[in-house]
Amino acid sequence: MDNGLSVIVQESRAAPVVAFFVFYRVGSRHETPGLTGASHWVEHMLFRGTPRFPPGALDRAMARAGAVFNALTSPDITVYYETLPAAQLPLAIDAESDRMCSASFDPEDFDAERTVILSELEGAENSAYWLLMDEVRAVAYQVHGYHHPTIGWRADLVGLTRDELYAYYRRFYTPENAVIAAVGDFDAEDALQQIRQAFAPIPRAEKSSTARRVVEPVQRAERRVTLYGSEPTAHVLAAFHAVDARHADFFAFAVMDAILSGAKGMGLFGEGINSRKTRLHQALVETELAVSAGTWFEPTLDPGLFWLYAAHSPEVAHATVEAALFAEAARLQAGDVTTAELQRAVKQTRAQFAYSRESVSAQAYWLGFSAMLEDPAWAESWSERLAAVTLADVQRVATDCFVRTNRTVGWFVPEADDAMTADAAEDAGDDAAEQAAEQTQAALHAVTP
């Protein structure tokens, strides 16, 4: 559109419903010190009303229409969405066009949401796993905005002002910084016309909403974090710098993820499977080294992280669990993957992604996310590109990724564990790292001249 707004519509007659998604190119990666948590806070404020839809009015209108509506904030994007009966599409269009430019940001509501968000943060901080992941991510990224937690740092949440947040809203929540994805039981031309009428009057931002792109330097040294707390379960997390969703190797990483801990659908509506045949389950859970173990990898706009994690069984040392995780990484580097294992990982990942795209809501999400990647065909080509992954691809990305200098390792040590002092933890970490490195080199020696 003339004001820079991009619109994607796709007819789907499977059911008399529509999904209407508005994607904004803004997330915690765009936030600067002092403003961390702003994207998530704006998300809260856009549910606090506008002059046209005073507080509570939009909730009642959506409830009467039989709609499901919500929002999400991630490091890369913020998304607002409705799924509702097809005849109610005008309500979704009116609501999103209105709050794109007219959110009230009432000072009392702003203060109330500060309390809500701080309470949300405190709830998350009850999880040792969440705290450890936060610490590891912050150490893994030294320059890039992925360093910041999506909810923000506590000091910024306490100090941020209403005017600062409103200025942030006016900068980023604008037509040229947004993509609309609509899927459902409608006529495409009619839907486009309704969208044009509602959104065309909204002007571009007075100042450019484009954020400066920051490139994280190559990590040159292993980094370590030890976190102590009252939770009784010990954890090990290891984060390795990986690739972004546009990279040719993204799908090889997705297959490697499935081999290690099971296929995942990814995205807003994606789920995963918990298979006893996966590498980490067999190596750590079946041997009773850990009560749970797995990996995590997701599509990101800039290079993300590939995670290995485990929650210990009682009395098992961190160094033992860490060495077991890295030993499985070394097996992949050595090419120890069968054709049958690769085929199963590809088949299951394709199935999970297909399941994650079944509903009109999921289809709208993936259309919009692909547009955020500036590749509208990205989701459509997922299955074919996944099927093209070879054993050599998996070995190559494992060899490139699972490097000692590319990893940030975090331990959560229960305070009640008297056997693990700070000095002992540091010494054991050094031993585990050396052991894992030796195992990796031994594995590589078998396949490298």
Foldseek 3Di string as FASTA:
>chain_A
DVQQAAEAEAEDAPDQKKKKKKKFFDFLQQDDPLCGQLVVLVQQLLQCDFPVQHRPNLVVVCVVQVKDWGWDGDRGIIMTMIMGGNVCVLSVLQSLLCSLPTRDLPVVSSVVVLVVLVVVVVVQVVDPVSVQVLVLQLVLFPWTSSNADRNGDPVSSVPPHSVNSVVLSLLTSARSRMYMFMYYNDDPVVSVVSNCVSNVVTHHRPDHSDGDDDDGDAQQAEAEAEAEDADPKKKKKKKFWAFALVDLLPLLVQLLQCQAAFAWQADDQIGTDGDCNHNPNVQCVVVQQFVDWGWDDHHDLGTDIIMTMTIGHPPHDPLVSLLSRLLVLLCLLLLVADPVSSVVSLVRNVVRNVVQCPDSNSVRRLQRVCVSSVHSCSSVCSSVSNVPDDSVSNNVRSNVTSDNSRMYMYMYDYPPPPVDDPVNSVVSVVVSSVSSVVSNVVSNVVPPD
